[in-house]
């Protein structure tokens, strides 16, 4: 693979990840309108632990787990070990 090929692939990956972010937030907009704390939950997903999120947002552990499970079922997050992450790199 030539150096220019890597650069082009990195650009394509960046574009695809941007489109993925846009579509993910569009999909989650309904959830965010129902409960504004879910927006912050999504923002913290992959960056804070379950207990840190619980303390910050004052959400029950069940709400967090059920929400992540719902988002995983919809393909918006993925489970990695015991936690969840967004499906794109940050």
Protein backbone atom coordinates (compact mmCIF):
# COMPACT_ATOMS: atom_id res chain seq x y z
CA UNK A 1 0.00 0.00 0.00
CA UNK A 2 1.37 3.39 -1.00
CA UNK A 3 1.54 6.29 1.51
CA UNK A 4 -1.11 8.18 -0.48
CA UNK A 5 -3.42 5.15 -0.24
CA UNK A 6 -3.23 5.25 3.59
CA UNK A 7 -4.01 8.95 3.56
CA UNK A 8 -7.00 8.41 1.30
CA UNK A 9 -8.21 5.51 3.45
CA UNK A 10 -7.88 7.66 6.57
CA UNK A 11 -9.92 10.40 4.89
CA UNK A 12 -12.59 7.92 3.84
CA UNK A 13 -12.71 6.46 7.35
CA UNK A 14 -13.08 9.96 8.79
CA UNK A 15 -15.95 10.73 6.44
CA UNK A 16 -17.70 7.45 7.23
CA UNK A 17 -17.31 8.00 10.97
CA UNK A 18 -18.75 11.51 10.60
CA UNK A 19 -21.75 10.14 8.73
CA UNK A 20 -22.16 7.44 11.35
CA UNK A 21 -22.15 10.06 14.13
CA UNK A 22 -24.79 12.12 12.33
CA UNK A 23 -27.08 9.14 11.79
CA UNK A 24 -26.57 7.87 15.35
CA UNK A 25 -27.52 11.22 16.88
CA UNK A 26 -30.48 11.45 14.51
CA UNK A 27 -31.62 8.00 15.66
CA UNK A 28 -31.17 8.94 19.33
CA UNK A 29 -32.92 12.30 19.08
CA UNK A 30 -36.27 10.76 20.13
CA UNK A 31 -34.64 9.23 23.24
CA UNK A 32 -32.95 12.53 24.09
CA UNK A 33 -36.26 14.42 23.84
CA UNK A 34 -37.94 11.94 26.20
CA UNK A 35 -35.15 12.22 28.76
CA UNK A 36 -32.44 14.90 28.34
CA UNK A 37 -30.15 12.98 30.73
CA UNK A 38 -29.83 10.30 28.06
CA UNK A 39 -27.90 12.75 25.88
CA UNK A 40 -25.31 13.09 28.62
CA UNK A 41 -25.37 9.30 29.14
CA UNK A 42 -24.54 8.83 25.48
CA UNK A 43 -21.80 11.46 25.65
CA UNK A 44 -20.25 9.69 28.66
CA UNK A 45 -20.56 6.22 27.13
CA UNK A 46 -17.07 4.78 26.69
CA UNK A 47 -15.50 7.57 28.76
CA UNK A 48 -16.91 6.98 32.24
CA UNK A 49 -17.74 3.93 34.28
CA UNK A 50 -21.26 2.81 35.10
CA UNK A 51 -20.92 4.06 38.70
CA UNK A 52 -19.42 7.41 37.63
CA UNK A 53 -22.31 7.95 35.24
CA UNK A 54 -24.81 6.96 37.91
CA UNK A 55 -23.36 9.52 40.34
CA UNK A 56 -23.10 12.31 37.76
CA UNK A 57 -26.52 11.92 36.19
CA UNK A 58 -28.50 10.55 39.14
CA UNK A 59 -29.86 7.74 36.99
CA UNK A 60 -30.63 4.33 38.45
CA UNK A 61 -28.28 1.50 37.49
CA UNK A 62 -31.20 -0.28 35.81
CA UNK A 63 -32.01 2.73 33.60
CA UNK A 64 -28.38 2.96 32.47
CA UNK A 65 -28.09 -0.76 31.76
CA UNK A 66 -31.48 -0.97 30.00
CA UNK A 67 -30.70 2.10 27.91
CA UNK A 68 -27.33 0.75 26.85
CA UNK A 69 -28.95 -2.60 26.03
CA UNK A 70 -31.59 -0.86 23.90
CA UNK A 71 -28.91 1.14 22.09
CA UNK A 72 -26.88 -2.03 21.53
CA UNK A 73 -29.93 -3.79 20.08
CA UNK A 74 -30.29 -0.87 17.67
CA UNK A 75 -26.61 -1.05 16.70
CA UNK A 76 -25.73 2.33 18.23
CA UNK A 77 -23.25 1.11 20.86
CA UNK A 78 -21.27 -2.06 21.36
CA UNK A 79 -20.46 -4.00 24.50
CA UNK A 80 -16.76 -4.28 25.26
CA UNK A 81 -16.07 -6.36 28.33
CA UNK A 82 -18.38 -5.11 31.07
CA UNK A 83 -18.93 -1.66 29.56
CA UNK A 84 -20.30 -0.10 26.41
CA UNK A 85 -18.65 2.06 23.77
CA UNK A 86 -19.82 4.08 20.81
CA UNK A 87 -19.38 2.35 17.49
CA UNK A 88 -16.87 4.93 16.27
CA UNK A 89 -13.55 6.15 17.63
CA UNK A 90 -13.40 9.43 19.52
